[in-house]
C-alpha atoms as a PDB file:
ATOM      1  CA  MET A   1      -2.637 -29.320  26.712  1.00  0.00           C
ATOM      2  CA  GLU A   2      -3.622 -32.282  24.728  1.00  0.00           C
ATOM      3  CA  GLU A   3      -1.306 -30.928  21.847  1.00  0.00           C
ATOM      4  CA  GLY A   4       1.812 -30.287  23.973  1.00  0.00           C
ATOM      5  CA  LEU A   5       3.008 -27.411  26.267  1.00  0.00           C
ATOM      6  CA  ASP A   6       4.319 -25.429  23.307  1.00  0.00           C
ATOM      7  CA  ILE A   7       0.994 -25.417  21.570  1.00  0.00           C
ATOM      8  CA  ALA A   8      -0.832 -24.474  24.962  1.00  0.00           C
ATOM      9  CA  LEU A   9       1.543 -21.521  25.371  1.00  0.00           C
ATOM     10  CA  ASN A  10       1.786 -20.148  22.019  1.00  0.00           C
ATOM     11  CA  GLY A  11      -1.100 -21.327  20.070  1.00  0.00           C
ATOM     12  CA  HIS A  12      -1.340 -22.693  16.460  1.00  0.00           C
ATOM     13  CA  LYS A  13       0.443 -20.954  13.708  1.00  0.00           C
ATOM     14  CA  GLY A  14      -1.824 -19.403  11.121  1.00  0.00           C
ATOM     15  CA  THR A  15      -2.464 -21.502   8.038  1.00  0.00           C
ATOM     16  CA  ARG A  16      -4.521 -19.156   5.965  1.00  0.00           C
ATOM     17  CA  VAL A  17      -2.936 -18.218   2.843  1.00  0.00           C
ATOM     18  CA  TYR A  18      -3.527 -14.787   1.129  1.00  0.00           C
ATOM     19  CA  GLU A  19      -3.175 -14.387  -2.730  1.00  0.00           C
ATOM     20  CA  ARG A  20      -1.219 -11.154  -3.479  1.00  0.00           C
ATOM     21  CA  LYS A  21      -3.217  -8.890  -5.855  1.00  0.00           C
ATOM     22  CA  ALA A  22      -0.980  -5.833  -5.823  1.00  0.00           C
ATOM     23  CA  ASP A  23       2.125  -6.458  -8.245  1.00  0.00           C
ATOM     24  CA  GLY A  24       4.931  -4.061  -9.179  1.00  0.00           C
ATOM     25  CA  ASP A  25       2.912  -2.707 -12.098  1.00  0.00           C
ATOM     26  CA  PHE A  26      -0.122  -1.686  -9.882  1.00  0.00           C
ATOM     27  CA  GLU A  27       2.337  -0.149  -7.366  1.00  0.00           C
ATOM     28  CA  ALA A  28       3.935   2.073 -10.032  1.00  0.00           C
ATOM     29  CA  HIS A  29       0.449   3.168 -11.207  1.00  0.00           C
ATOM     30  CA  LEU A  30      -0.441   3.786  -7.555  1.00  0.00           C
ATOM     31  CA  VAL A  31       2.541   5.967  -6.866  1.00  0.00           C
ATOM     32  CA  ALA A  32       1.702   8.091 -10.073  1.00  0.00           C
ATOM     33  CA  LEU A  33      -1.727   8.353  -9.051  1.00  0.00           C
ATOM     34  CA  SER A  34      -0.879   9.538  -5.638  1.00  0.00           C
ATOM     35  CA  CYS A  35       1.318  12.274  -7.000  1.00  0.00           C
ATOM     36  CA  SER A  36      -1.308  13.445  -9.310  1.00  0.00           C
ATOM     37  CA  LYS A  37      -3.844  16.448  -8.481  1.00  0.00           C
ATOM     38  CA  PRO A  38      -6.486  15.511  -6.020  1.00  0.00           C
ATOM     39  CA  PRO A  39     -10.148  15.302  -7.344  1.00  0.00           C
ATOM     40  CA  GLU A  40     -12.092  18.523  -7.637  1.00  0.00           C
ATOM     41  CA  GLY A  41     -13.605  19.516  -4.413  1.00  0.00           C
ATOM     42  CA  HIS A  42     -10.880  17.910  -2.355  1.00  0.00           C
ATOM     43  CA  ALA A  43      -7.771  19.890  -0.882  1.00  0.00           C
ATOM     44  CA  GLN A  44      -5.732  16.577  -0.945  1.00  0.00           C
ATOM     45  CA  GLY A  45      -6.216  13.046  -1.701  1.00  0.00           C
ATOM     46  CA  SER A  46      -7.158  10.183   0.814  1.00  0.00           C
ATOM     47  CA  LEU A  47      -6.382   6.625   0.873  1.00  0.00           C
ATOM     48  CA  ARG A  48     -10.048   5.815   0.203  1.00  0.00           C
ATOM     49  CA  LEU A  49     -10.134   8.155  -2.752  1.00  0.00           C
ATOM     50  CA  LEU A  50      -6.833   6.549  -4.152  1.00  0.00           C
ATOM     51  CA  ALA A  51      -8.402   3.089  -3.790  1.00  0.00           C
ATOM     52  CA  ASP A  52     -11.637   4.133  -5.579  1.00  0.00           C
ATOM     53  CA  LYS A  53      -9.675   5.757  -8.373  1.00  0.00           C
ATOM     54  CA  ALA A  54      -7.517   2.676  -8.881  1.00  0.00           C
ATOM     55  CA  VAL A  55     -10.477   0.590  -9.220  1.00  0.00           C
ATOM     56  CA  GLU A  56     -12.160   3.147 -11.651  1.00  0.00           C
ATOM     57  CA  LEU A  57      -9.229   3.145 -13.765  1.00  0.00           C
ATOM     58  CA  GLN A  58      -9.110  -0.714 -13.761  1.00  0.00           C
ATOM     59  CA  TYR A  59      -5.804  -0.989 -12.438  1.00  0.00           C
ATOM     60  CA  ILE A  60      -6.826  -3.519 -10.146  1.00  0.00           C
ATOM     61  CA  GLU A  61     -10.286  -5.390  -9.533  1.00  0.00           C
ATOM     62  CA  SER A  62     -10.737  -4.253  -5.857  1.00  0.00           C
ATOM     63  CA  VAL A  63      -8.452  -2.962  -3.146  1.00  0.00           C
ATOM     64  CA  SER A  64      -8.819  -1.665   0.319  1.00  0.00           C
ATOM     65  CA  HIS A  65      -7.579   1.607   1.756  1.00  0.00           C
ATOM     66  CA  GLU A  66      -5.424  -0.338   4.200  1.00  0.00           C
ATOM     67  CA  THR A  67      -3.511  -2.054   1.167  1.00  0.00           C
ATOM     68  CA  ILE A  68      -3.023   1.394  -0.461  1.00  0.00           C
ATOM     69  CA  ARG A  69      -1.539   2.676   2.793  1.00  0.00           C
ATOM     70  CA  ARG A  70       0.907  -0.275   3.027  1.00  0.00           C
ATOM     71  CA  ILE A  71       1.903  -0.016  -0.470  1.00  0.00           C
ATOM     72  CA  LEU A  72       2.598   3.749  -0.319  1.00  0.00           C
ATOM     73  CA  LYS A  73       4.352   3.251   3.167  1.00  0.00           C
ATOM     74  CA  LYS A  74       6.542   0.670   1.541  1.00  0.00           C
ATOM     75  CA  THR A  75       7.360   2.661  -1.568  1.00  0.00           C
ATOM     76  CA  LYS A  76       8.323   5.711   0.483  1.00  0.00           C
ATOM     77  CA  SER A  77      10.782   3.747   2.717  1.00  0.00           C
ATOM     78  CA  SER A  78      12.179   1.887  -0.353  1.00  0.00           C
ATOM     79  CA  LEU A  79      13.329   5.311  -1.872  1.00  0.00           C
ATOM     80  CA  GLY A  80      15.888   5.339   0.787  1.00  0.00           C
ATOM     81  CA  GLY A  81      15.444   9.092   1.396  1.00  0.00           C
ATOM     82  CA  LYS A  82      16.967  10.098  -2.060  1.00  0.00           C
ATOM     83  CA  LEU A  83      15.469  10.177  -5.476  1.00  0.00           C
ATOM     84  CA  ALA A  84      17.860   8.579  -8.314  1.00  0.00           C
ATOM     85  CA  GLY A  85      20.312  11.504  -9.278  1.00  0.00           C
ATOM     86  CA  SER A  86      19.149  13.770  -6.672  1.00  0.00           C
ATOM     87  CA  SER A  87      20.730  14.856  -3.333  1.00  0.00           C
ATOM     88  CA  HIS A  88      17.472  16.139  -1.871  1.00  0.00           C
ATOM     89  CA  PRO A  89      15.403  14.000   0.311  1.00  0.00           C
ATOM     90  CA  ALA A  90      12.505  12.292  -1.380  1.00  0.00           C
ATOM     91  CA  LYS A  91       8.886  13.755  -0.584  1.00  0.00           C
ATOM     92  CA  MET A  92       5.680  11.841  -0.866  1.00  0.00           C
ATOM     93  CA  PRO A  93       2.583  13.757  -1.047  1.00  0.00           C
ATOM     94  CA  VAL A  94       0.500  13.881   2.300  1.00  0.00           C
ATOM     95  CA  LEU A  95      -2.571  11.733   2.188  1.00  0.00           C
END
């Protein structure tokens, strides 16, 4: 209550700043990688496999599987349901 009623009820706003590691170039590489064949011994890729492969190919220094999920989710929604020049709905690989 020393800082006011609003702070007491709602708390402090977060002040931590995160540097964005994934740029458009990385996102393009990631989409291409997610569309490629899964590694041998796997029926389909996983977010962790994609993260490991992106680091192995030196697309990025380090990345979490959660970041991979967010990028692919954002990319899928940004397609707007259609590929350029196509009347068929866009399909992303199941991970």
